[in-house]
C-alpha atoms as a PDB file:
ATOM      1  CA  MET A   1      10.003 -14.035  -9.013  1.00  0.00           C
ATOM      2  CA  THR A   2      11.946 -12.949  -6.534  1.00  0.00           C
ATOM      3  CA  LYS A   3      13.655 -13.818  -3.101  1.00  0.00           C
ATOM      4  CA  LEU A   4      11.737 -13.675   0.465  1.00  0.00           C
ATOM      5  CA  ARG A   5      12.425  -9.759   1.222  1.00  0.00           C
ATOM      6  CA  ILE A   6      12.002 -10.338   5.275  1.00  0.00           C
ATOM      7  CA  ASN A   7      10.394  -7.121   6.233  1.00  0.00           C
ATOM      8  CA  TYR A   8      11.140  -7.086   9.991  1.00  0.00           C
ATOM      9  CA  THR A   9       8.071  -4.310  10.179  1.00  0.00           C
ATOM     10  CA  GLN A  10       5.755  -7.227   9.504  1.00  0.00           C
ATOM     11  CA  ARG A  11       5.069 -10.106  12.285  1.00  0.00           C
ATOM     12  CA  ILE A  12       6.844 -13.875  11.838  1.00  0.00           C
ATOM     13  CA  LEU A  13       4.488 -16.102  13.662  1.00  0.00           C
ATOM     14  CA  LEU A  14       4.956 -18.773  16.291  1.00  0.00           C
ATOM     15  CA  ILE A  15       2.135 -20.443  15.135  1.00  0.00           C
ATOM     16  CA  MET A  16       2.390 -21.752  11.486  1.00  0.00           C
ATOM     17  CA  GLN A  17      -0.477 -19.381   9.523  1.00  0.00           C
ATOM     18  CA  ILE A  18      -0.899 -20.191   5.476  1.00  0.00           C
ATOM     19  CA  GLY A  19      -0.384 -16.992   3.620  1.00  0.00           C
ATOM     20  CA  GLU A  20       2.092 -15.375   6.320  1.00  0.00           C
ATOM     21  CA  LEU A  21       5.659 -15.213   6.950  1.00  0.00           C
ATOM     22  CA  ASN A  22       6.579 -18.528   9.333  1.00  0.00           C
ATOM     23  CA  ARG A  23       9.999 -19.235  10.790  1.00  0.00           C
ATOM     24  CA  MET A  24      10.971 -22.758  10.326  1.00  0.00           C
ATOM     25  CA  ARG A  25      12.875 -25.532  11.349  1.00  0.00           C
ATOM     26  CA  VAL A  26      14.475 -27.663   8.576  1.00  0.00           C
ATOM     27  CA  VAL A  27      14.096 -31.752  10.030  1.00  0.00           C
ATOM     28  CA  LYS A  28      14.617 -33.449   6.258  1.00  0.00           C
ATOM     29  CA  LYS A  29      16.378 -33.591   3.038  1.00  0.00           C
ATOM     30  CA  LEU A  30      15.698 -34.935   0.404  1.00  0.00           C
ATOM     31  CA  ASP A  31      16.317 -35.023  -3.130  1.00  0.00           C
ATOM     32  CA  PHE A  32      13.893 -33.486  -4.012  1.00  0.00           C
ATOM     33  CA  GLY A  33      13.654 -31.029  -1.516  1.00  0.00           C
ATOM     34  CA  ILE A  34      13.694 -30.319   2.195  1.00  0.00           C
ATOM     35  CA  TYR A  35      10.761 -30.705   5.008  1.00  0.00           C
ATOM     36  CA  LEU A  36       9.895 -28.134   7.998  1.00  0.00           C
ATOM     37  CA  ASP A  37       8.885 -28.654  10.999  1.00  0.00           C
ATOM     38  CA  GLY A  38       5.101 -27.421  10.398  1.00  0.00           C
ATOM     39  CA  LYS A  39       4.195 -27.925  14.143  1.00  0.00           C
ATOM     40  CA  GLU A  40       0.679 -28.062  14.752  1.00  0.00           C
ATOM     41  CA  LEU A  41       0.455 -28.501  10.338  1.00  0.00           C
ATOM     42  CA  GLY A  42       2.532 -31.746  10.266  1.00  0.00           C
ATOM     43  CA  GLU A  43       6.129 -31.501   7.809  1.00  0.00           C
ATOM     44  CA  ILE A  44       5.547 -29.151   5.215  1.00  0.00           C
ATOM     45  CA  LEU A  45       7.630 -29.439   1.733  1.00  0.00           C
ATOM     46  CA  MET A  46       9.999 -26.890   0.644  1.00  0.00           C
ATOM     47  CA  PRO A  47      10.764 -27.901  -3.141  1.00  0.00           C
ATOM     48  CA  THR A  48      14.457 -28.184  -4.509  1.00  0.00           C
ATOM     49  CA  ARG A  49      14.292 -25.027  -6.466  1.00  0.00           C
ATOM     50  CA  TYR A  50      13.426 -22.746  -2.872  1.00  0.00           C
ATOM     51  CA  ILE A  51      16.122 -23.758  -0.337  1.00  0.00           C
ATOM     52  CA  PRO A  52      19.112 -22.006   0.126  1.00  0.00           C
ATOM     53  CA  ALA A  53      22.615 -22.263  -0.155  1.00  0.00           C
ATOM     54  CA  ASP A  54      24.225 -24.600   2.668  1.00  0.00           C
ATOM     55  CA  CYS A  55      21.138 -25.086   4.143  1.00  0.00           C
ATOM     56  CA  LYS A  56      21.478 -27.785   6.451  1.00  0.00           C
ATOM     57  CA  ILE A  57      19.323 -29.888   9.033  1.00  0.00           C
ATOM     58  CA  ASP A  58      18.379 -27.326  12.048  1.00  0.00           C
ATOM     59  CA  ASP A  59      18.522 -24.646  10.058  1.00  0.00           C
ATOM     60  CA  GLU A  60      15.292 -21.926  11.083  1.00  0.00           C
ATOM     61  CA  ILE A  61      14.169 -20.372   7.338  1.00  0.00           C
ATOM     62  CA  VAL A  62      11.634 -17.654   6.676  1.00  0.00           C
ATOM     63  CA  THR A  63       9.283 -19.050   4.515  1.00  0.00           C
ATOM     64  CA  PHE A  64       5.788 -17.759   3.095  1.00  0.00           C
ATOM     65  CA  LEU A  65       3.112 -21.340   2.972  1.00  0.00           C
ATOM     66  CA  TYR A  66       0.798 -21.776   0.743  1.00  0.00           C
ATOM     67  CA  LYS A  67      -1.592 -24.477  -1.262  1.00  0.00           C
ATOM     68  CA  ASP A  68      -0.250 -25.433  -5.084  1.00  0.00           C
ATOM     69  CA  SER A  69      -2.418 -26.716  -7.812  1.00  0.00           C
ATOM     70  CA  ASP A  70      -2.878 -30.201  -6.954  1.00  0.00           C
ATOM     71  CA  ASP A  71      -3.662 -28.305  -2.927  1.00  0.00           C
ATOM     72  CA  ARG A  72      -0.216 -29.695  -1.274  1.00  0.00           C
ATOM     73  CA  LEU A  73       0.759 -27.188   1.585  1.00  0.00           C
ATOM     74  CA  LEU A  74       3.955 -25.890   0.082  1.00  0.00           C
ATOM     75  CA  ALA A  75       6.682 -23.625   1.857  1.00  0.00           C
ATOM     76  CA  THR A  76       8.551 -20.946   0.079  1.00  0.00           C
ATOM     77  CA  THR A  77      11.328 -18.617  -0.351  1.00  0.00           C
ATOM     78  CA  GLU A  78       9.310 -16.669  -2.963  1.00  0.00           C
ATOM     79  CA  THR A  79       7.231 -13.676  -1.196  1.00  0.00           C
ATOM     80  CA  PRO A  80       4.448 -13.128  -2.722  1.00  0.00           C
ATOM     81  CA  TYR A  81       3.147  -9.454  -4.134  1.00  0.00           C
ATOM     82  CA  VAL A  82       0.167  -9.432  -0.949  1.00  0.00           C
ATOM     83  CA  MET A  83      -0.232 -11.262   1.662  1.00  0.00           C
ATOM     84  CA  VAL A  84      -3.167 -12.809   3.390  1.00  0.00           C
ATOM     85  CA  GLY A  85      -4.608  -9.823   5.476  1.00  0.00           C
ATOM     86  CA  GLU A  86      -3.172  -6.817   3.095  1.00  0.00           C
ATOM     87  CA  CYS A  87      -4.546  -5.266   0.113  1.00  0.00           C
ATOM     88  CA  ALA A  88      -2.880  -5.069  -3.549  1.00  0.00           C
ATOM     89  CA  HIS A  89      -3.278  -3.934  -7.294  1.00  0.00           C
ATOM     90  CA  LEU A  90      -2.669  -7.128  -8.896  1.00  0.00           C
ATOM     91  CA  LYS A  91      -3.207  -8.070 -12.487  1.00  0.00           C
ATOM     92  CA  VAL A  92      -5.999 -10.661 -14.011  1.00  0.00           C
ATOM     93  CA  ILE A  93      -3.594 -13.564 -16.018  1.00  0.00           C
ATOM     94  CA  ASP A  94      -7.110 -15.572 -16.581  1.00  0.00           C
ATOM     95  CA  VAL A  95     -11.129 -16.384 -16.389  1.00  0.00           C
ATOM     96  CA  ASN A  96     -12.225 -19.470 -16.434  1.00  0.00           C
ATOM     97  CA  ASN A  97     -15.952 -20.391 -15.389  1.00  0.00           C
ATOM     98  CA  VAL A  98     -15.192 -20.326 -11.453  1.00  0.00           C
ATOM     99  CA  GLY A  99     -13.609 -16.769 -11.651  1.00  0.00           C
ATOM    100  CA  ALA A 100     -10.846 -14.992 -11.806  1.00  0.00           C
ATOM    101  CA  PHE A 101      -6.839 -15.458 -11.643  1.00  0.00           C
ATOM    102  CA  LEU A 102      -4.775 -12.755 -10.344  1.00  0.00           C
ATOM    103  CA  ASP A 103      -0.728 -12.485 -10.407  1.00  0.00           C
ATOM    104  CA  TRP A 104       0.765 -12.752  -7.576  1.00  0.00           C
ATOM    105  CA  GLY A 105       4.181 -13.801  -8.324  1.00  0.00           C
ATOM    106  CA  LEU A 106       3.687 -17.411  -7.137  1.00  0.00           C
ATOM    107  CA  PRO A 107       3.391 -20.458  -9.330  1.00  0.00           C
ATOM    108  CA  LYS A 108       0.458 -20.887  -8.534  1.00  0.00           C
ATOM    109  CA  ASP A 109      -1.594 -17.544  -9.189  1.00  0.00           C
ATOM    110  CA  LEU A 110      -4.559 -16.155  -6.645  1.00  0.00           C
ATOM    111  CA  PHE A 111      -7.695 -16.842  -7.062  1.00  0.00           C
ATOM    112  CA  VAL A 112     -11.185 -14.510  -7.278  1.00  0.00           C
ATOM    113  CA  PRO A 113     -14.538 -16.082  -7.165  1.00  0.00           C
ATOM    114  CA  HIS A 114     -17.325 -14.984  -8.975  1.00  0.00           C
ATOM    115  CA  SER A 115     -18.682 -14.318  -6.139  1.00  0.00           C
ATOM    116  CA  GLU A 116     -16.041 -12.064  -4.979  1.00  0.00           C
ATOM    117  CA  GLN A 117     -15.940  -9.786  -8.286  1.00  0.00           C
ATOM    118  CA  ASN A 118     -17.694  -6.802  -8.691  1.00  0.00           C
ATOM    119  CA  GLY A 119     -19.059  -7.448 -12.501  1.00  0.00           C
ATOM    120  CA  ARG A 120     -17.148  -9.766 -14.106  1.00  0.00           C
ATOM    121  CA  MET A 121     -13.275  -9.939 -14.286  1.00  0.00           C
ATOM    122  CA  GLU A 122     -11.195  -8.544 -17.025  1.00  0.00           C
ATOM    123  CA  VAL A 123      -7.956 -10.527 -18.042  1.00  0.00           C
ATOM    124  CA  GLY A 124      -5.121  -7.975 -18.714  1.00  0.00           C
ATOM    125  CA  LYS A 125      -7.125  -5.573 -16.261  1.00  0.00           C
ATOM    126  CA  SER A 126      -6.011  -5.083 -12.847  1.00  0.00           C
ATOM    127  CA  TYR A 127      -7.885  -5.379  -9.712  1.00  0.00           C
ATOM    128  CA  VAL A 128      -7.757  -3.696  -6.678  1.00  0.00           C
ATOM    129  CA  VAL A 129      -8.181  -7.066  -3.919  1.00  0.00           C
ATOM    130  CA  SER A 130      -8.112  -7.730  -0.383  1.00  0.00           C
ATOM    131  CA  VAL A 131      -6.102 -11.092   0.449  1.00  0.00           C
ATOM    132  CA  TYR A 132      -7.978 -13.470   2.748  1.00  0.00           C
ATOM    133  CA  LEU A 133      -7.485 -17.392   3.952  1.00  0.00           C
ATOM    134  CA  ASP A 134     -11.154 -19.588   3.216  1.00  0.00           C
ATOM    135  CA  ASP A 135     -12.257 -20.656   5.803  1.00  0.00           C
ATOM    136  CA  ILE A 136     -13.433 -24.250   4.136  1.00  0.00           C
ATOM    137  CA  THR A 137     -10.710 -24.929   1.699  1.00  0.00           C
ATOM    138  CA  GLU A 138      -7.901 -23.555   3.880  1.00  0.00           C
ATOM    139  CA  ARG A 139      -6.905 -21.348   0.563  1.00  0.00           C
ATOM    140  CA  ILE A 140      -5.526 -18.335  -0.146  1.00  0.00           C
ATOM    141  CA  THR A 141      -8.047 -16.125  -1.964  1.00  0.00           C
ATOM    142  CA  ALA A 142      -8.379 -12.339  -3.106  1.00  0.00           C
ATOM    143  CA  THR A 143     -12.134 -10.075  -3.007  1.00  0.00           C
ATOM    144  CA  ALA A 144     -12.860  -7.465  -4.765  1.00  0.00           C
ATOM    145  CA  LYS A 145     -15.660  -6.591  -2.464  1.00  0.00           C
ATOM    146  CA  LEU A 146     -13.921  -3.986  -0.363  1.00  0.00           C
ATOM    147  CA  ASP A 147     -16.684  -3.045   1.190  1.00  0.00           C
ATOM    148  CA  GLY A 148     -17.620  -6.796   3.190  1.00  0.00           C
ATOM    149  CA  TRP A 149     -14.124  -7.061   4.087  1.00  0.00           C
ATOM    150  CA  LEU A 150     -12.439  -3.622   4.860  1.00  0.00           C
ATOM    151  CA  SER A 151     -13.450  -1.180   8.268  1.00  0.00           C
ATOM    152  CA  GLU A 152     -15.391   1.977   7.268  1.00  0.00           C
ATOM    153  CA  GLU A 153     -15.012   2.995  11.105  1.00  0.00           C
ATOM    154  CA  GLY A 154     -12.154   5.034  12.205  1.00  0.00           C
ATOM    155  CA  ILE A 155     -12.573   3.867  16.071  1.00  0.00           C
ATOM    156  CA  TYR A 156      -8.934   3.418  15.918  1.00  0.00           C
ATOM    157  CA  PHE A 157      -7.069   6.241  14.288  1.00  0.00           C
ATOM    158  CA  LYS A 158      -6.915   9.233  15.559  1.00  0.00           C
ATOM    159  CA  PRO A 159      -6.400  12.916  13.560  1.00  0.00           C
ATOM    160  CA  GLN A 160      -3.327  13.629  12.114  1.00  0.00           C
ATOM    161  CA  GLN A 161      -2.116  10.074  12.040  1.00  0.00           C
ATOM    162  CA  ALA A 162       0.663   9.524   9.165  1.00  0.00           C
ATOM    163  CA  VAL A 163      -1.144   6.187   7.425  1.00  0.00           C
ATOM    164  CA  ASP A 164       0.108   3.991   3.986  1.00  0.00           C
ATOM    165  CA  LEU A 165      -3.208   4.302   1.230  1.00  0.00           C
ATOM    166  CA  LEU A 166      -4.583   2.362  -1.869  1.00  0.00           C
ATOM    167  CA  ILE A 167      -6.778   3.944  -3.651  1.00  0.00           C
ATOM    168  CA  CYS A 168      -9.489   2.181  -5.193  1.00  0.00           C
ATOM    169  CA  GLY A 169     -12.473   3.335  -6.212  1.00  0.00           C
ATOM    170  CA  ARG A 170     -13.990   7.250  -7.087  1.00  0.00           C
ATOM    171  CA  THR A 171     -17.581   8.768  -6.172  1.00  0.00           C
ATOM    172  CA  GLU A 172     -18.881  11.629  -6.524  1.00  0.00           C
ATOM    173  CA  LEU A 173     -17.329  13.550  -3.781  1.00  0.00           C
ATOM    174  CA  GLY A 174     -13.773  12.072  -4.375  1.00  0.00           C
ATOM    175  CA  TYR A 175     -11.284   9.252  -3.813  1.00  0.00           C
ATOM    176  CA  LYS A 176     -11.991   6.486  -1.923  1.00  0.00           C
ATOM    177  CA  ALA A 177      -8.651   5.028  -0.366  1.00  0.00           C
ATOM    178  CA  VAL A 178      -7.343   1.677   1.324  1.00  0.00           C
ATOM    179  CA  ILE A 179      -6.125   2.471   4.955  1.00  0.00           C
ATOM    180  CA  ASN A 180      -3.076   0.145   5.844  1.00  0.00           C
ATOM    181  CA  HIS A 181      -4.619  -2.606   4.636  1.00  0.00           C
ATOM    182  CA  THR A 182      -7.788  -2.575   6.834  1.00  0.00           C
ATOM    183  CA  HIS A 183      -9.853   0.145   6.536  1.00  0.00           C
ATOM    184  CA  LEU A 184     -11.850   2.630   4.114  1.00  0.00           C
ATOM    185  CA  GLY A 185     -11.790   6.297   3.871  1.00  0.00           C
ATOM    186  CA  LEU A 186     -12.221   9.847   2.202  1.00  0.00           C
ATOM    187  CA  LEU A 187      -9.998  11.332  -0.282  1.00  0.00           C
ATOM    188  CA  TYR A 188     -12.105  14.952  -1.676  1.00  0.00           C
ATOM    189  CA  GLU A 189     -11.690  15.607  -4.469  1.00  0.00           C
ATOM    190  CA  ASN A 190     -10.958  19.289  -4.119  1.00  0.00           C
ATOM    191  CA  GLU A 191      -8.443  19.234  -1.399  1.00  0.00           C
ATOM    192  CA  VAL A 192      -6.067  16.937  -4.289  1.00  0.00           C
ATOM    193  CA  PHE A 193      -4.357  18.659  -5.916  1.00  0.00           C
ATOM    194  CA  GLN A 194      -2.334  15.807  -8.432  1.00  0.00           C
ATOM    195  CA  GLU A 195      -3.924  13.205 -10.478  1.00  0.00           C
ATOM    196  CA  LEU A 196      -4.580   9.892  -8.225  1.00  0.00           C
ATOM    197  CA  LYS A 197      -4.674   7.116 -10.005  1.00  0.00           C
ATOM    198  CA  TYR A 198      -7.085   3.757  -9.524  1.00  0.00           C
ATOM    199  CA  GLY A 199      -4.097   1.427  -7.335  1.00  0.00           C
ATOM    200  CA  GLN A 200      -1.660   4.417  -7.150  1.00  0.00           C
ATOM    201  CA  ARG A 201       0.103   3.687  -3.341  1.00  0.00           C
ATOM    202  CA  LEU A 202       1.045   6.684  -1.098  1.00  0.00           C
ATOM    203  CA  SER A 203       0.954   8.141   2.108  1.00  0.00           C
ATOM    204  CA  GLY A 204      -1.356  10.748   3.832  1.00  0.00           C
ATOM    205  CA  PHE A 205      -2.866  11.524   6.809  1.00  0.00           C
ATOM    206  CA  ILE A 206      -5.865  11.000   9.555  1.00  0.00           C
ATOM    207  CA  LYS A 207      -7.805  14.211   8.705  1.00  0.00           C
ATOM    208  CA  THR A 208     -10.275  13.602  10.774  1.00  0.00           C
ATOM    209  CA  ILE A 209     -13.022  10.899  12.187  1.00  0.00           C
ATOM    210  CA  ARG A 210     -16.903  12.113  11.578  1.00  0.00           C
ATOM    211  CA  ASP A 211     -19.786  11.666  13.836  1.00  0.00           C
ATOM    212  CA  ASP A 212     -20.473   8.841  11.756  1.00  0.00           C
ATOM    213  CA  ARG A 213     -17.353   6.771  12.326  1.00  0.00           C
ATOM    214  CA  LYS A 214     -16.316   7.712   8.574  1.00  0.00           C
ATOM    215  CA  ILE A 215     -12.644   8.619   7.424  1.00  0.00           C
ATOM    216  CA  ASP A 216     -11.818  11.103   6.105  1.00  0.00           C
ATOM    217  CA  LEU A 217      -8.620  11.236   4.718  1.00  0.00           C
ATOM    218  CA  SER A 218      -5.525  14.123   3.567  1.00  0.00           C
ATOM    219  CA  LEU A 219      -2.413  14.496   1.822  1.00  0.00           C
ATOM    220  CA  GLN A 220      -0.692  16.879   3.655  1.00  0.00           C
ATOM    221  CA  LEU A 221      -1.239  17.625   7.723  1.00  0.00           C
ATOM    222  CA  PRO A 222      -2.865  21.113   8.450  1.00  0.00           C
ATOM    223  CA  ALA A 223      -1.340  23.695   7.288  1.00  0.00           C
ATOM    224  CA  ALA A 224      -0.248  24.741  11.266  1.00  0.00           C
ATOM    225  CA  GLU A 225       1.714  21.507  11.535  1.00  0.00           C
ATOM    226  CA  THR A 226       3.238  22.208   7.722  1.00  0.00           C
ATOM    227  CA  ARG A 227       3.599  25.989   7.871  1.00  0.00           C
ATOM    228  CA  ASP A 228       7.060  26.383   8.731  1.00  0.00           C
ATOM    229  CA  ALA A 229       8.263  23.655   7.291  1.00  0.00           C
ATOM    230  CA  LEU A 230       6.992  25.430   3.463  1.00  0.00           C
ATOM    231  CA  MET A 231       8.531  28.683   3.967  1.00  0.00           C
ATOM    232  CA  ASN A 232      11.936  26.395   4.909  1.00  0.00           C
ATOM    233  CA  ASP A 233      11.540  24.536   1.353  1.00  0.00           C
ATOM    234  CA  ILE A 234      10.833  27.978  -0.230  1.00  0.00           C
ATOM    235  CA  ILE A 235      13.566  29.750   0.935  1.00  0.00           C
ATOM    236  CA  THR A 236      15.639  26.671   0.250  1.00  0.00           C
ATOM    237  CA  TYR A 237      13.673  26.406  -3.948  1.00  0.00           C
ATOM    238  CA  LEU A 238      15.239  30.393  -4.326  1.00  0.00           C
ATOM    239  CA  LYS A 239      18.868  29.755  -3.103  1.00  0.00           C
ATOM    240  CA  LYS A 240      18.974  27.084  -5.436  1.00  0.00           C
ATOM    241  CA  HIS A 241      17.798  29.092  -8.098  1.00  0.00           C
ATOM    242  CA  ASN A 242      19.464  32.030  -7.986  1.00  0.00           C
ATOM    243  CA  GLY A 243      16.991  33.425  -5.686  1.00  0.00           C
ATOM    244  CA  ILE A 244      14.261  34.117  -7.473  1.00  0.00           C
ATOM    245  CA  SER A 245      11.244  31.510  -8.468  1.00  0.00           C
ATOM    246  CA  LYS A 246       9.022  31.693 -11.017  1.00  0.00           C
ATOM    247  CA  ILE A 247       6.672  30.065  -9.138  1.00  0.00           C
ATOM    248  CA  THR A 248       4.529  33.063  -8.048  1.00  0.00           C
ATOM    249  CA  ASP A 249       0.751  33.505  -6.227  1.00  0.00           C
ATOM    250  CA  LYS A 250      -0.315  33.517  -9.629  1.00  0.00           C
ATOM    251  CA  SER A 251       1.044  30.050 -10.492  1.00  0.00           C
ATOM    252  CA  ILE A 252      -1.139  26.917 -10.978  1.00  0.00           C
ATOM    253  CA  PRO A 253      -2.443  24.692  -8.184  1.00  0.00           C
ATOM    254  CA  GLU A 254      -0.534  21.650 -10.482  1.00  0.00           C
ATOM    255  CA  VAL A 255       2.596  23.515 -10.384  1.00  0.00           C
ATOM    256  CA  ILE A 256       2.551  24.314  -6.441  1.00  0.00           C
ATOM    257  CA  TYR A 257       1.973  21.272  -5.435  1.00  0.00           C
ATOM    258  CA  GLN A 258       4.407  19.109  -7.936  1.00  0.00           C
ATOM    259  CA  GLU A 259       7.528  21.314  -6.883  1.00  0.00           C
ATOM    260  CA  PHE A 260       6.226  22.015  -3.112  1.00  0.00           C
ATOM    261  CA  LYS A 261       3.036  19.307  -2.866  1.00  0.00           C
ATOM    262  CA  VAL A 262       0.971  21.509  -1.065  1.00  0.00           C
ATOM    263  CA  SER A 263      -2.043  23.824  -2.089  1.00  0.00           C
ATOM    264  CA  LYS A 264      -2.295  26.731  -3.637  1.00  0.00           C
ATOM    265  CA  LYS A 265      -3.963  28.139  -0.472  1.00  0.00           C
ATOM    266  CA  SER A 266      -0.898  26.618   1.713  1.00  0.00           C
ATOM    267  CA  TYR A 267       1.363  28.345  -0.567  1.00  0.00           C
ATOM    268  CA  LYS A 268       0.234  31.620  -0.702  1.00  0.00           C
ATOM    269  CA  LYS A 269       0.132  31.665   3.295  1.00  0.00           C
ATOM    270  CA  ALA A 270       3.853  30.269   3.377  1.00  0.00           C
ATOM    271  CA  LEU A 271       4.493  33.586   0.667  1.00  0.00           C
ATOM    272  CA  GLY A 272       2.723  35.829   2.757  1.00  0.00           C
ATOM    273  CA  ARG A 273       4.121  34.897   6.058  1.00  0.00           C
ATOM    274  CA  LEU A 274       7.962  35.494   4.006  1.00  0.00           C
ATOM    275  CA  TYR A 275       7.194  38.728   2.835  1.00  0.00           C
ATOM    276  CA  LYS A 276       5.879  40.034   6.297  1.00  0.00           C
ATOM    277  CA  GLN A 277       9.683  38.642   8.263  1.00  0.00           C
ATOM    278  CA  LYS A 278      11.124  40.850   4.931  1.00  0.00           C
ATOM    279  CA  LEU A 279      12.706  37.417   3.532  1.00  0.00           C
ATOM    280  CA  ILE A 280      11.418  37.589  -0.086  1.00  0.00           C
ATOM    281  CA  THR A 281       9.711  40.111  -3.092  1.00  0.00           C
ATOM    282  CA  ILE A 282       6.830  39.361  -4.818  1.00  0.00           C
ATOM    283  CA  ASP A 283       5.407  41.229  -8.147  1.00  0.00           C
ATOM    284  CA  LYS A 284       3.664  39.283 -11.125  1.00  0.00           C
ATOM    285  CA  GLU A 285       6.208  37.809 -12.502  1.00  0.00           C
ATOM    286  CA  GLN A 286       8.494  36.493 -10.099  1.00  0.00           C
ATOM    287  CA  ILE A 287       9.343  35.884  -6.372  1.00  0.00           C
ATOM    288  CA  THR A 288      12.908  36.543  -5.003  1.00  0.00           C
ATOM    289  CA  LEU A 289      14.961  36.484  -2.206  1.00  0.00           C
ATOM    290  CA  VAL A 290      16.299  39.410  -0.392  1.00  0.00           C
END
């Protein structure tokens, strides 16, 4: 575990919330820890092992709230790998008759009920889950049934919008991905020119919102948006390699993508424009900077 990393793009709530970041004031110091003002939640214990150095009464601390194994509400300055309202790829470390338990970076493991699993989870394997707060128990819980928790309708997205993706499955058409922790979309296999793995995080773009409001994704902007940048990248590459490149329009798509992060089709179009501008020459073996 590591000390809490404050990401100021993430909201720190004024109303105290379990499973999220909260800014809390120290109200008591005791031998076994400190108590923090949890407002409507009452005073909340932070055990000694989490207390920042030189902590004093009335100091404000950014904390994460969760319930421990004895169902007590605790505050910590340790950071979990995932918070309520987020998705993550987590490893199963235990399974029993009530569910599975995932390593999420805190002493109490993250619980996934059997009812929230797609088939029984296995110890040692990792799964993409969404984290929520159980309304009845107020315990932080995870689900692998993403379709029931994440929207597939792209009402709030726009084409070419940059998004964060988490690969969460395969279909006959391609790869399913979690979008910004809140939605599900599809990357078409014939438009992906790199190996993608289950649980992999990467950046992408909204390609289009279909008539049924489902979301199609892309790992790159349309060619018109990236063409000039790609042409500059090719020239830069040539200059770094004594004006010669063995990555031609005949190279396999994987080699092109590994170096330039574009499809072979986009690469060939960029080469054609450079050739027409008389900036390069092209033959079967190499590209040469003029």
